[in-house]
N, C-alpha and C. Protein backbone atom coordinates (compact mmCIF):
# COMPACT_ATOMS: atom_id res chain seq x y z
N MET A 1 141.00 -38.68 4.93
CA MET A 1 140.81 -37.23 4.75
C MET A 1 139.47 -36.82 5.34
N THR A 2 139.47 -35.72 6.09
CA THR A 2 138.25 -35.27 6.74
C THR A 2 137.34 -34.55 5.74
N GLU A 3 136.08 -34.39 6.16
CA GLU A 3 135.11 -33.67 5.31
C GLU A 3 135.57 -32.23 5.09
N GLN A 4 136.13 -31.61 6.13
CA GLN A 4 136.59 -30.24 6.00
C GLN A 4 137.73 -30.13 5.00
N GLN A 5 138.65 -31.11 5.02
CA GLN A 5 139.75 -31.11 4.06
C GLN A 5 139.23 -31.29 2.64
N ARG A 6 138.22 -32.18 2.49
CA ARG A 6 137.66 -32.38 1.16
C ARG A 6 136.98 -31.11 0.66
N ALA A 7 136.35 -30.38 1.56
CA ALA A 7 135.65 -29.16 1.17
C ALA A 7 136.61 -28.09 0.66
N ARG A 8 137.86 -28.14 1.14
CA ARG A 8 138.82 -27.12 0.73
C ARG A 8 139.54 -27.49 -0.57
N ARG A 9 139.38 -28.70 -1.04
CA ARG A 9 140.06 -29.10 -2.26
C ARG A 9 139.52 -28.28 -3.43
N PRO A 10 140.41 -27.70 -4.28
CA PRO A 10 139.96 -26.82 -5.35
C PRO A 10 139.26 -27.53 -6.49
N GLY A 11 139.46 -28.84 -6.63
CA GLY A 11 138.86 -29.54 -7.75
C GLY A 11 138.16 -30.80 -7.31
N GLY A 12 137.83 -31.65 -8.28
CA GLY A 12 137.22 -32.92 -7.98
C GLY A 12 135.77 -32.81 -7.57
N ARG A 13 135.32 -33.81 -6.82
CA ARG A 13 133.91 -33.88 -6.44
C ARG A 13 133.48 -32.68 -5.61
N SER A 14 134.36 -32.21 -4.72
CA SER A 14 134.00 -31.08 -3.88
C SER A 14 133.64 -29.85 -4.72
N ALA A 15 134.43 -29.58 -5.74
CA ALA A 15 134.17 -28.43 -6.61
C ALA A 15 132.87 -28.63 -7.38
N ARG A 16 132.61 -29.85 -7.83
CA ARG A 16 131.37 -30.12 -8.58
C ARG A 16 130.15 -29.94 -7.68
N VAL A 17 130.26 -30.41 -6.43
CA VAL A 17 129.15 -30.26 -5.50
C VAL A 17 128.89 -28.78 -5.22
N ARG A 18 129.96 -28.04 -4.98
CA ARG A 18 129.80 -26.61 -4.70
C ARG A 18 129.15 -25.89 -5.88
N ALA A 19 129.59 -26.20 -7.09
CA ALA A 19 129.01 -25.55 -8.27
C ALA A 19 127.53 -25.91 -8.42
N ALA A 20 127.19 -27.18 -8.17
CA ALA A 20 125.80 -27.60 -8.29
C ALA A 20 124.91 -26.94 -7.24
N VAL A 21 125.43 -26.83 -6.02
CA VAL A 21 124.67 -26.18 -4.94
C VAL A 21 124.48 -24.70 -5.24
N HIS A 22 125.53 -24.04 -5.69
CA HIS A 22 125.42 -22.62 -6.04
C HIS A 22 124.39 -22.40 -7.14
N GLN A 23 124.43 -23.25 -8.16
CA GLN A 23 123.47 -23.11 -9.25
C GLN A 23 122.05 -23.35 -8.77
N ALA A 24 121.89 -24.30 -7.87
CA ALA A 24 120.57 -24.58 -7.31
C ALA A 24 120.04 -23.37 -6.55
N VAL A 25 120.91 -22.72 -5.79
CA VAL A 25 120.49 -21.55 -5.01
C VAL A 25 120.04 -20.42 -5.92
N THR A 26 120.83 -20.10 -6.94
CA THR A 26 120.45 -18.98 -7.82
C THR A 26 119.16 -19.30 -8.57
N GLY A 27 118.97 -20.55 -8.93
CA GLY A 27 117.72 -20.93 -9.60
C GLY A 27 116.52 -20.77 -8.68
N LEU A 28 116.66 -21.20 -7.44
CA LEU A 28 115.56 -21.09 -6.48
C LEU A 28 115.26 -19.64 -6.11
N VAL A 29 116.31 -18.82 -5.98
CA VAL A 29 116.08 -17.40 -5.70
C VAL A 29 115.32 -16.75 -6.85
N ALA A 30 115.72 -17.09 -8.08
CA ALA A 30 115.05 -16.51 -9.25
C ALA A 30 113.59 -16.94 -9.34
N GLU A 31 113.31 -18.18 -8.99
CA GLU A 31 111.95 -18.71 -9.12
C GLU A 31 111.03 -18.36 -7.95
N ARG A 32 111.58 -18.42 -6.73
CA ARG A 32 110.73 -18.30 -5.55
C ARG A 32 111.01 -17.07 -4.71
N GLY A 33 112.23 -16.53 -4.81
CA GLY A 33 112.60 -15.41 -3.97
C GLY A 33 113.25 -15.88 -2.68
N TYR A 34 113.87 -14.92 -1.99
CA TYR A 34 114.57 -15.24 -0.75
C TYR A 34 113.59 -15.68 0.33
N GLY A 35 113.98 -16.69 1.10
CA GLY A 35 113.17 -17.14 2.22
C GLY A 35 112.08 -18.11 1.86
N ALA A 36 111.98 -18.46 0.59
CA ALA A 36 110.90 -19.34 0.15
C ALA A 36 111.39 -20.74 -0.20
N PHE A 37 112.57 -21.09 0.28
CA PHE A 37 113.08 -22.44 0.07
C PHE A 37 113.99 -22.82 1.23
N THR A 38 114.24 -24.11 1.35
CA THR A 38 115.01 -24.65 2.47
C THR A 38 116.29 -25.31 1.99
N VAL A 39 117.10 -25.71 2.93
CA VAL A 39 118.29 -26.48 2.59
C VAL A 39 117.90 -27.75 1.86
N GLY A 40 116.79 -28.36 2.28
CA GLY A 40 116.32 -29.56 1.60
C GLY A 40 115.98 -29.31 0.14
N ASP A 41 115.38 -28.16 -0.16
CA ASP A 41 115.07 -27.81 -1.54
C ASP A 41 116.35 -27.65 -2.36
N VAL A 42 117.33 -26.99 -1.77
CA VAL A 42 118.61 -26.80 -2.46
C VAL A 42 119.27 -28.15 -2.71
N ALA A 43 119.28 -29.00 -1.69
CA ALA A 43 119.91 -30.31 -1.83
C ALA A 43 119.24 -31.15 -2.91
N ALA A 44 117.91 -31.13 -2.93
CA ALA A 44 117.19 -31.91 -3.92
C ALA A 44 117.52 -31.44 -5.33
N ARG A 45 117.55 -30.13 -5.53
CA ARG A 45 117.84 -29.62 -6.86
C ARG A 45 119.28 -29.87 -7.28
N ALA A 46 120.20 -29.77 -6.30
CA ALA A 46 121.61 -29.98 -6.62
C ALA A 46 121.99 -31.45 -6.72
N GLY A 47 121.10 -32.32 -6.23
CA GLY A 47 121.40 -33.74 -6.27
C GLY A 47 122.41 -34.18 -5.23
N VAL A 48 122.37 -33.52 -4.06
CA VAL A 48 123.28 -33.88 -2.97
C VAL A 48 122.47 -34.11 -1.71
N ALA A 49 123.11 -34.62 -0.69
CA ALA A 49 122.44 -34.85 0.59
C ALA A 49 122.38 -33.57 1.41
N ASP A 50 121.31 -33.43 2.18
CA ASP A 50 121.20 -32.28 3.09
C ASP A 50 122.43 -32.16 3.99
N THR A 51 122.90 -33.31 4.46
CA THR A 51 124.02 -33.30 5.40
C THR A 51 125.28 -32.70 4.78
N SER A 52 125.45 -32.88 3.47
CA SER A 52 126.62 -32.31 2.80
C SER A 52 126.59 -30.80 2.86
N ILE A 53 125.40 -30.23 2.69
CA ILE A 53 125.27 -28.77 2.75
C ILE A 53 125.49 -28.28 4.17
N TYR A 54 124.90 -28.95 5.15
CA TYR A 54 125.06 -28.52 6.54
C TYR A 54 126.52 -28.63 6.99
N ARG A 55 127.21 -29.69 6.56
CA ARG A 55 128.61 -29.85 6.95
C ARG A 55 129.47 -28.73 6.37
N ARG A 56 129.17 -28.37 5.16
CA ARG A 56 130.03 -27.39 4.47
C ARG A 56 129.69 -25.95 4.83
N TRP A 57 128.39 -25.63 4.92
CA TRP A 57 127.99 -24.24 5.12
C TRP A 57 127.35 -23.96 6.47
N GLY A 58 126.82 -24.97 7.13
CA GLY A 58 126.25 -24.79 8.46
C GLY A 58 124.82 -24.30 8.45
N THR A 59 124.57 -23.14 7.83
CA THR A 59 123.23 -22.58 7.79
C THR A 59 122.88 -22.14 6.37
N ILE A 60 121.60 -21.94 6.11
CA ILE A 60 121.17 -21.47 4.80
C ILE A 60 121.71 -20.07 4.53
N GLU A 61 121.80 -19.22 5.59
CA GLU A 61 122.32 -17.87 5.41
C GLU A 61 123.79 -17.88 4.99
N SER A 62 124.58 -18.78 5.61
CA SER A 62 125.99 -18.89 5.24
C SER A 62 126.15 -19.36 3.81
N LEU A 63 125.29 -20.27 3.40
CA LEU A 63 125.32 -20.74 2.01
C LEU A 63 125.00 -19.61 1.06
N LEU A 64 123.94 -18.86 1.35
CA LEU A 64 123.54 -17.76 0.47
C LEU A 64 124.62 -16.69 0.40
N MET A 65 125.27 -16.43 1.53
CA MET A 65 126.36 -15.47 1.55
C MET A 65 127.50 -15.94 0.65
N ASP A 66 127.82 -17.22 0.72
CA ASP A 66 128.90 -17.77 -0.11
C ASP A 66 128.56 -17.64 -1.58
N VAL A 67 127.30 -17.89 -1.93
CA VAL A 67 126.89 -17.77 -3.33
C VAL A 67 127.05 -16.33 -3.81
N ALA A 68 126.55 -15.38 -3.03
CA ALA A 68 126.60 -13.98 -3.43
C ALA A 68 128.04 -13.50 -3.60
N ILE A 69 128.89 -13.80 -2.62
CA ILE A 69 130.27 -13.33 -2.67
C ILE A 69 131.04 -14.01 -3.81
N THR A 70 130.81 -15.30 -4.01
CA THR A 70 131.50 -16.02 -5.07
C THR A 70 131.13 -15.48 -6.43
N ARG A 71 129.84 -15.23 -6.64
CA ARG A 71 129.41 -14.70 -7.94
C ARG A 71 130.04 -13.35 -8.20
N LEU A 72 130.18 -12.54 -7.17
CA LEU A 72 130.77 -11.23 -7.35
C LEU A 72 132.26 -11.34 -7.68
N THR A 73 132.98 -12.16 -6.94
CA THR A 73 134.43 -12.23 -7.11
C THR A 73 134.84 -12.92 -8.40
N THR A 74 133.97 -13.74 -8.97
CA THR A 74 134.32 -14.42 -10.22
C THR A 74 133.75 -13.70 -11.43
N ALA A 75 132.91 -12.66 -11.21
CA ALA A 75 132.33 -11.91 -12.31
C ALA A 75 132.99 -10.54 -12.41
N SER A 76 132.79 -9.90 -13.54
CA SER A 76 133.25 -8.53 -13.76
C SER A 76 134.72 -8.34 -13.39
N PRO A 77 135.64 -9.08 -14.03
CA PRO A 77 137.06 -8.89 -13.72
C PRO A 77 137.51 -7.48 -14.06
N ILE A 78 138.55 -7.02 -13.37
CA ILE A 78 139.05 -5.67 -13.57
C ILE A 78 139.85 -5.61 -14.88
N PRO A 79 139.46 -4.74 -15.80
CA PRO A 79 140.19 -4.64 -17.08
C PRO A 79 141.46 -3.82 -16.91
N ASP A 80 142.36 -3.94 -17.86
CA ASP A 80 143.57 -3.13 -17.87
C ASP A 80 143.86 -2.77 -19.32
N THR A 81 143.16 -1.75 -19.79
CA THR A 81 143.26 -1.35 -21.20
C THR A 81 144.36 -0.33 -21.44
N GLY A 82 144.90 0.25 -20.37
CA GLY A 82 145.94 1.26 -20.51
C GLY A 82 145.46 2.68 -20.30
N THR A 83 144.14 2.88 -20.26
CA THR A 83 143.58 4.21 -20.00
C THR A 83 142.40 4.08 -19.05
N LEU A 84 142.15 5.16 -18.31
CA LEU A 84 140.99 5.17 -17.41
C LEU A 84 139.69 5.02 -18.19
N GLU A 85 139.55 5.76 -19.26
CA GLU A 85 138.32 5.68 -20.05
C GLU A 85 138.10 4.28 -20.59
N GLY A 86 139.15 3.68 -21.12
CA GLY A 86 139.03 2.32 -21.64
C GLY A 86 138.66 1.33 -20.55
N ASP A 87 139.28 1.47 -19.38
CA ASP A 87 138.97 0.58 -18.27
C ASP A 87 137.52 0.73 -17.82
N LEU A 88 137.06 1.99 -17.71
CA LEU A 88 135.68 2.23 -17.26
C LEU A 88 134.67 1.66 -18.26
N ARG A 89 134.91 1.86 -19.54
CA ARG A 89 133.97 1.36 -20.54
C ARG A 89 133.95 -0.16 -20.57
N SER A 90 135.12 -0.77 -20.46
CA SER A 90 135.20 -2.23 -20.47
C SER A 90 134.55 -2.81 -19.22
N TYR A 91 134.83 -2.21 -18.07
CA TYR A 91 134.26 -2.70 -16.82
C TYR A 91 132.75 -2.54 -16.81
N ALA A 92 132.25 -1.39 -17.22
CA ALA A 92 130.81 -1.15 -17.23
C ALA A 92 130.10 -2.12 -18.17
N ALA A 93 130.69 -2.38 -19.32
CA ALA A 93 130.08 -3.32 -20.26
C ALA A 93 130.03 -4.72 -19.68
N LYS A 94 131.09 -5.13 -18.96
CA LYS A 94 131.12 -6.47 -18.37
C LYS A 94 130.09 -6.58 -17.24
N VAL A 95 129.98 -5.54 -16.41
CA VAL A 95 128.98 -5.57 -15.34
C VAL A 95 127.58 -5.68 -15.94
N ALA A 96 127.33 -4.92 -17.01
CA ALA A 96 126.01 -4.96 -17.66
C ALA A 96 125.70 -6.37 -18.16
N ARG A 97 126.69 -7.03 -18.74
CA ARG A 97 126.46 -8.41 -19.21
C ARG A 97 126.20 -9.35 -18.04
N ASP A 98 126.94 -9.16 -16.96
CA ASP A 98 126.79 -10.05 -15.81
C ASP A 98 125.41 -9.91 -15.16
N VAL A 99 124.97 -8.67 -14.93
CA VAL A 99 123.71 -8.47 -14.20
C VAL A 99 122.49 -8.78 -15.05
N THR A 100 122.66 -8.82 -16.37
CA THR A 100 121.54 -9.20 -17.23
C THR A 100 121.64 -10.66 -17.67
N GLY A 101 122.65 -11.38 -17.19
CA GLY A 101 122.82 -12.78 -17.52
C GLY A 101 121.83 -13.66 -16.77
N PRO A 102 121.93 -14.97 -16.95
CA PRO A 102 120.95 -15.90 -16.38
C PRO A 102 120.78 -15.77 -14.86
N ASP A 103 121.86 -15.49 -14.14
CA ASP A 103 121.80 -15.44 -12.68
C ASP A 103 121.95 -14.04 -12.11
N GLY A 104 122.12 -13.05 -12.97
CA GLY A 104 122.42 -11.71 -12.49
C GLY A 104 121.35 -11.13 -11.59
N LEU A 105 120.10 -11.19 -12.01
CA LEU A 105 119.02 -10.63 -11.22
C LEU A 105 118.86 -11.39 -9.90
N ALA A 106 119.01 -12.71 -9.95
CA ALA A 106 118.87 -13.51 -8.73
C ALA A 106 119.92 -13.13 -7.71
N VAL A 107 121.15 -12.91 -8.15
CA VAL A 107 122.22 -12.56 -7.21
C VAL A 107 121.97 -11.18 -6.61
N LEU A 108 121.53 -10.22 -7.42
CA LEU A 108 121.22 -8.89 -6.88
C LEU A 108 120.11 -8.97 -5.84
N ARG A 109 119.07 -9.72 -6.15
CA ARG A 109 117.97 -9.87 -5.19
C ARG A 109 118.44 -10.56 -3.93
N LEU A 110 119.34 -11.50 -4.08
CA LEU A 110 119.86 -12.23 -2.93
C LEU A 110 120.63 -11.31 -2.00
N VAL A 111 121.47 -10.46 -2.55
CA VAL A 111 122.25 -9.54 -1.71
C VAL A 111 121.33 -8.58 -0.98
N ILE A 112 120.31 -8.06 -1.66
CA ILE A 112 119.37 -7.14 -1.03
C ILE A 112 118.61 -7.84 0.09
N ALA A 113 118.16 -9.06 -0.18
CA ALA A 113 117.41 -9.80 0.83
C ALA A 113 118.28 -10.13 2.03
N LEU A 114 119.52 -10.51 1.79
CA LEU A 114 120.41 -10.86 2.88
C LEU A 114 120.69 -9.66 3.79
N SER A 115 120.67 -8.46 3.23
CA SER A 115 120.96 -7.28 4.04
C SER A 115 119.90 -7.05 5.11
N ASN A 116 118.75 -7.69 4.96
CA ASN A 116 117.68 -7.58 5.95
C ASN A 116 117.48 -8.88 6.73
N ALA A 117 118.50 -9.73 6.71
CA ALA A 117 118.35 -11.06 7.32
C ALA A 117 119.21 -11.24 8.55
N GLY A 118 119.29 -10.21 9.38
CA GLY A 118 120.03 -10.34 10.62
C GLY A 118 121.53 -10.16 10.45
N ASP A 119 122.28 -10.56 11.46
CA ASP A 119 123.72 -10.32 11.47
C ASP A 119 124.44 -11.02 10.31
N THR A 120 124.06 -12.26 10.04
CA THR A 120 124.72 -12.98 8.95
C THR A 120 124.47 -12.31 7.62
N GLY A 121 123.23 -11.86 7.42
CA GLY A 121 122.91 -11.17 6.18
C GLY A 121 123.64 -9.85 6.06
N THR A 122 123.74 -9.13 7.16
CA THR A 122 124.47 -7.85 7.14
C THR A 122 125.93 -8.08 6.81
N GLN A 123 126.51 -9.14 7.35
CA GLN A 123 127.89 -9.47 7.03
C GLN A 123 128.05 -9.78 5.54
N ALA A 124 127.08 -10.49 4.97
CA ALA A 124 127.13 -10.81 3.55
C ALA A 124 127.07 -9.54 2.71
N ARG A 125 126.15 -8.64 3.08
CA ARG A 125 126.04 -7.38 2.36
C ARG A 125 127.34 -6.59 2.44
N ASP A 126 127.91 -6.51 3.64
CA ASP A 126 129.14 -5.74 3.82
C ASP A 126 130.29 -6.34 3.04
N ARG A 127 130.36 -7.68 3.02
CA ARG A 127 131.42 -8.33 2.24
C ARG A 127 131.23 -8.09 0.76
N PHE A 128 129.99 -8.12 0.29
CA PHE A 128 129.69 -7.86 -1.11
C PHE A 128 130.14 -6.45 -1.49
N LEU A 129 129.75 -5.47 -0.67
CA LEU A 129 130.10 -4.09 -0.96
C LEU A 129 131.61 -3.86 -0.86
N ALA A 130 132.24 -4.49 0.12
CA ALA A 130 133.68 -4.33 0.28
C ALA A 130 134.44 -4.90 -0.91
N GLU A 131 133.99 -6.04 -1.42
CA GLU A 131 134.66 -6.64 -2.57
C GLU A 131 134.44 -5.80 -3.82
N ARG A 132 133.22 -5.30 -4.00
CA ARG A 132 132.96 -4.44 -5.16
C ARG A 132 133.80 -3.17 -5.08
N THR A 133 133.92 -2.58 -3.89
CA THR A 133 134.73 -1.38 -3.72
C THR A 133 136.20 -1.67 -3.97
N ARG A 134 136.65 -2.84 -3.51
CA ARG A 134 138.05 -3.22 -3.74
C ARG A 134 138.33 -3.31 -5.23
N GLN A 135 137.41 -3.91 -5.98
CA GLN A 135 137.58 -4.02 -7.43
C GLN A 135 137.70 -2.64 -8.06
N LEU A 136 136.79 -1.76 -7.69
CA LEU A 136 136.80 -0.42 -8.28
C LEU A 136 138.07 0.33 -7.91
N GLN A 137 138.47 0.24 -6.64
CA GLN A 137 139.64 0.98 -6.18
C GLN A 137 140.90 0.51 -6.87
N GLU A 138 140.98 -0.78 -7.14
CA GLU A 138 142.15 -1.31 -7.85
C GLU A 138 142.28 -0.64 -9.22
N MET A 139 141.16 -0.52 -9.92
CA MET A 139 141.17 0.10 -11.24
C MET A 139 141.52 1.59 -11.14
N LEU A 140 140.94 2.28 -10.16
CA LEU A 140 141.17 3.71 -10.01
C LEU A 140 142.59 4.01 -9.55
N ASP A 141 143.14 3.19 -8.67
CA ASP A 141 144.52 3.38 -8.21
C ASP A 141 145.50 3.20 -9.37
N ARG A 142 145.23 2.24 -10.23
CA ARG A 142 146.11 2.02 -11.37
C ARG A 142 146.09 3.24 -12.31
N ALA A 143 144.89 3.82 -12.49
CA ALA A 143 144.79 5.02 -13.33
C ALA A 143 145.58 6.17 -12.71
N ARG A 144 145.49 6.31 -11.39
CA ARG A 144 146.22 7.39 -10.72
C ARG A 144 147.73 7.19 -10.86
N GLU A 145 148.19 5.94 -10.81
CA GLU A 145 149.61 5.65 -10.98
C GLU A 145 150.09 6.00 -12.38
N ARG A 146 149.17 5.97 -13.36
CA ARG A 146 149.52 6.35 -14.74
C ARG A 146 149.51 7.86 -14.92
N GLY A 147 149.14 8.61 -13.87
CA GLY A 147 149.10 10.06 -13.97
C GLY A 147 147.76 10.61 -14.37
N GLU A 148 146.73 9.76 -14.41
CA GLU A 148 145.39 10.22 -14.77
C GLU A 148 144.66 10.72 -13.52
N ASP A 149 143.50 11.32 -13.72
CA ASP A 149 142.71 11.88 -12.63
C ASP A 149 141.41 11.07 -12.48
N PRO A 150 141.46 9.93 -11.76
CA PRO A 150 140.27 9.08 -11.67
C PRO A 150 139.24 9.66 -10.71
N PRO A 151 137.99 9.29 -10.88
CA PRO A 151 136.96 9.69 -9.92
C PRO A 151 137.09 8.88 -8.64
N ASP A 152 136.29 9.21 -7.64
CA ASP A 152 136.22 8.41 -6.43
C ASP A 152 135.43 7.13 -6.72
N ALA A 153 135.68 6.10 -5.93
CA ALA A 153 134.94 4.84 -6.11
C ALA A 153 133.44 5.06 -5.94
N LEU A 154 133.07 5.93 -4.99
CA LEU A 154 131.65 6.18 -4.76
C LEU A 154 131.01 6.89 -5.96
N ASP A 155 131.78 7.76 -6.64
CA ASP A 155 131.26 8.39 -7.85
C ASP A 155 130.95 7.34 -8.91
N LEU A 156 131.82 6.34 -9.00
CA LEU A 156 131.61 5.28 -9.98
C LEU A 156 130.36 4.47 -9.64
N VAL A 157 130.15 4.23 -8.36
CA VAL A 157 128.93 3.53 -7.92
C VAL A 157 127.70 4.36 -8.29
N ASP A 158 127.73 5.66 -7.96
CA ASP A 158 126.57 6.52 -8.19
C ASP A 158 126.24 6.68 -9.67
N HIS A 159 127.27 6.82 -10.50
CA HIS A 159 127.05 7.15 -11.90
C HIS A 159 126.90 5.94 -12.82
N ILE A 160 127.49 4.80 -12.43
CA ILE A 160 127.49 3.65 -13.34
C ILE A 160 126.77 2.44 -12.74
N LEU A 161 127.22 1.97 -11.58
CA LEU A 161 126.67 0.73 -11.05
C LEU A 161 125.23 0.89 -10.59
N ALA A 162 124.96 1.92 -9.79
CA ALA A 162 123.60 2.08 -9.24
C ALA A 162 122.53 2.19 -10.33
N PRO A 163 122.72 3.01 -11.37
CA PRO A 163 121.69 3.07 -12.41
C PRO A 163 121.44 1.72 -13.09
N MET A 164 122.51 0.95 -13.30
CA MET A 164 122.32 -0.36 -13.94
C MET A 164 121.57 -1.30 -13.01
N TYR A 165 121.95 -1.31 -11.73
CA TYR A 165 121.27 -2.18 -10.78
C TYR A 165 119.79 -1.84 -10.69
N VAL A 166 119.47 -0.55 -10.65
CA VAL A 166 118.07 -0.13 -10.54
C VAL A 166 117.29 -0.58 -11.77
N ARG A 167 117.87 -0.39 -12.94
CA ARG A 167 117.18 -0.82 -14.16
C ARG A 167 116.88 -2.31 -14.16
N VAL A 168 117.85 -3.10 -13.72
CA VAL A 168 117.66 -4.55 -13.72
C VAL A 168 116.66 -4.97 -12.65
N LEU A 169 116.79 -4.41 -11.46
CA LEU A 169 115.91 -4.80 -10.36
C LEU A 169 114.45 -4.45 -10.62
N PHE A 170 114.22 -3.30 -11.24
CA PHE A 170 112.84 -2.85 -11.44
C PHE A 170 112.36 -3.02 -12.88
N GLY A 171 113.22 -3.55 -13.73
CA GLY A 171 112.81 -3.80 -15.11
C GLY A 171 112.37 -2.56 -15.85
N VAL A 172 113.06 -1.44 -15.62
CA VAL A 172 112.62 -0.18 -16.22
C VAL A 172 113.29 0.15 -17.55
N GLY A 173 114.14 -0.71 -18.02
CA GLY A 173 114.76 -0.45 -19.32
C GLY A 173 115.94 -1.37 -19.55
N PRO A 174 116.29 -1.63 -20.81
CA PRO A 174 117.41 -2.52 -21.12
C PRO A 174 118.75 -1.84 -20.89
N LEU A 175 119.75 -2.63 -20.65
CA LEU A 175 121.11 -2.11 -20.51
C LEU A 175 121.80 -2.23 -21.87
N THR A 176 121.42 -1.35 -22.78
CA THR A 176 122.03 -1.37 -24.11
C THR A 176 123.45 -0.84 -24.04
N ALA A 177 124.24 -1.15 -25.07
CA ALA A 177 125.62 -0.65 -25.12
C ALA A 177 125.63 0.87 -25.12
N ALA A 178 124.68 1.50 -25.82
CA ALA A 178 124.62 2.96 -25.86
C ALA A 178 124.32 3.53 -24.48
N TYR A 179 123.41 2.89 -23.76
CA TYR A 179 123.06 3.37 -22.42
C TYR A 179 124.25 3.25 -21.48
N VAL A 180 124.95 2.12 -21.51
CA VAL A 180 126.10 1.91 -20.63
C VAL A 180 127.20 2.91 -20.96
N ASP A 181 127.46 3.14 -22.24
CA ASP A 181 128.48 4.13 -22.62
C ASP A 181 128.09 5.52 -22.15
N ALA A 182 126.80 5.84 -22.21
CA ALA A 182 126.34 7.15 -21.76
C ALA A 182 126.57 7.34 -20.26
N LEU A 183 126.43 6.26 -19.48
CA LEU A 183 126.73 6.34 -18.05
C LEU A 183 128.19 6.69 -17.82
N VAL A 184 129.08 6.07 -18.59
CA VAL A 184 130.51 6.37 -18.46
C VAL A 184 130.78 7.81 -18.87
N ASP A 185 130.16 8.24 -19.97
CA ASP A 185 130.33 9.64 -20.41
C ASP A 185 129.91 10.61 -19.31
N ARG A 186 128.79 10.30 -18.67
CA ARG A 186 128.28 11.19 -17.61
C ARG A 186 129.26 11.26 -16.45
N LEU A 187 129.86 10.13 -16.10
CA LEU A 187 130.85 10.12 -15.01
C LEU A 187 132.07 10.95 -15.40
N LEU A 188 132.58 10.73 -16.60
CA LEU A 188 133.80 11.41 -17.02
C LEU A 188 133.61 12.92 -17.14
N SER A 189 132.37 13.35 -17.39
CA SER A 189 132.12 14.78 -17.55
C SER A 189 131.38 15.37 -16.35
N SER A 190 131.32 14.64 -15.24
CA SER A 190 130.56 15.10 -14.08
C SER A 190 131.18 16.38 -13.51
N PRO A 191 130.35 17.31 -13.02
CA PRO A 191 130.86 18.57 -12.47
C PRO A 191 131.86 18.38 -11.34
N SER A 192 131.63 17.39 -10.46
CA SER A 192 132.54 17.19 -9.33
C SER A 192 133.92 16.79 -9.82
N ARG A 193 133.99 16.00 -10.89
CA ARG A 193 135.29 15.58 -11.41
C ARG A 193 135.98 16.74 -12.11
N ARG A 194 135.22 17.55 -12.86
CA ARG A 194 135.81 18.72 -13.51
C ARG A 194 136.33 19.70 -12.48
N SER A 195 135.58 19.82 -11.37
CA SER A 195 136.00 20.74 -10.32
C SER A 195 137.33 20.31 -9.71
N ARG A 196 137.50 19.00 -9.50
CA ARG A 196 138.77 18.51 -8.95
C ARG A 196 139.93 18.79 -9.92
N SER A 197 139.64 18.62 -11.23
CA SER A 197 140.67 18.84 -12.23
C SER A 197 141.05 20.31 -12.27
N ASP A 198 140.08 21.19 -12.17
CA ASP A 198 140.36 22.62 -12.18
C ASP A 198 141.17 23.02 -10.96
N ASP A 199 140.81 22.46 -9.80
CA ASP A 199 141.53 22.79 -8.58
C ASP A 199 142.99 22.35 -8.66
N SER A 200 143.21 21.18 -9.25
CA SER A 200 144.57 20.67 -9.31
C SER A 200 145.41 21.47 -10.28
N ALA A 201 144.76 22.19 -11.21
CA ALA A 201 145.51 22.98 -12.20
C ALA A 201 145.87 24.35 -11.67
N VAL A 202 145.28 24.75 -10.55
CA VAL A 202 145.53 26.08 -10.01
C VAL A 202 146.90 26.13 -9.32
């Protein structure tokens, strides 16, 4: 079996190595920041050989992109509570827990840093944003199929995700349950959403 085939195996040693390398990256980003560590540092912390990382990811930027995208796709699953309001509150609460968790700040900083790291970094940022938008759109489309009037995905970013990200990145306040619920309330009662509802009733 080739190294590439082993890398694609969902379990076993390959999965353990990937998890260890990802954890090493988030730890180093949290401690040192982007650009302040090498593949060798990651390998030493993960307990693997440098060559294993180079074979699997090729470059440090590709590795960091994989970490950022993986953390996003495995975190904040899309809820299905049966109502738009229930979905929004559940999703917002889960995002708040994720971004304030052990690796949440490191992943946010990583995505921001990658966006200024040339073409590979820009691709990572775009993939991160595309995946986040896909998650939101899935939830909003389901609400629309139920006959509800969901906001736009960008409205959800502006009213819920962006304020939480800013608070975490700049340490300007905790993401309490009351604060997160207030963000959802603000979205649900936003003038632009009321205007759309009024127009549709005419």
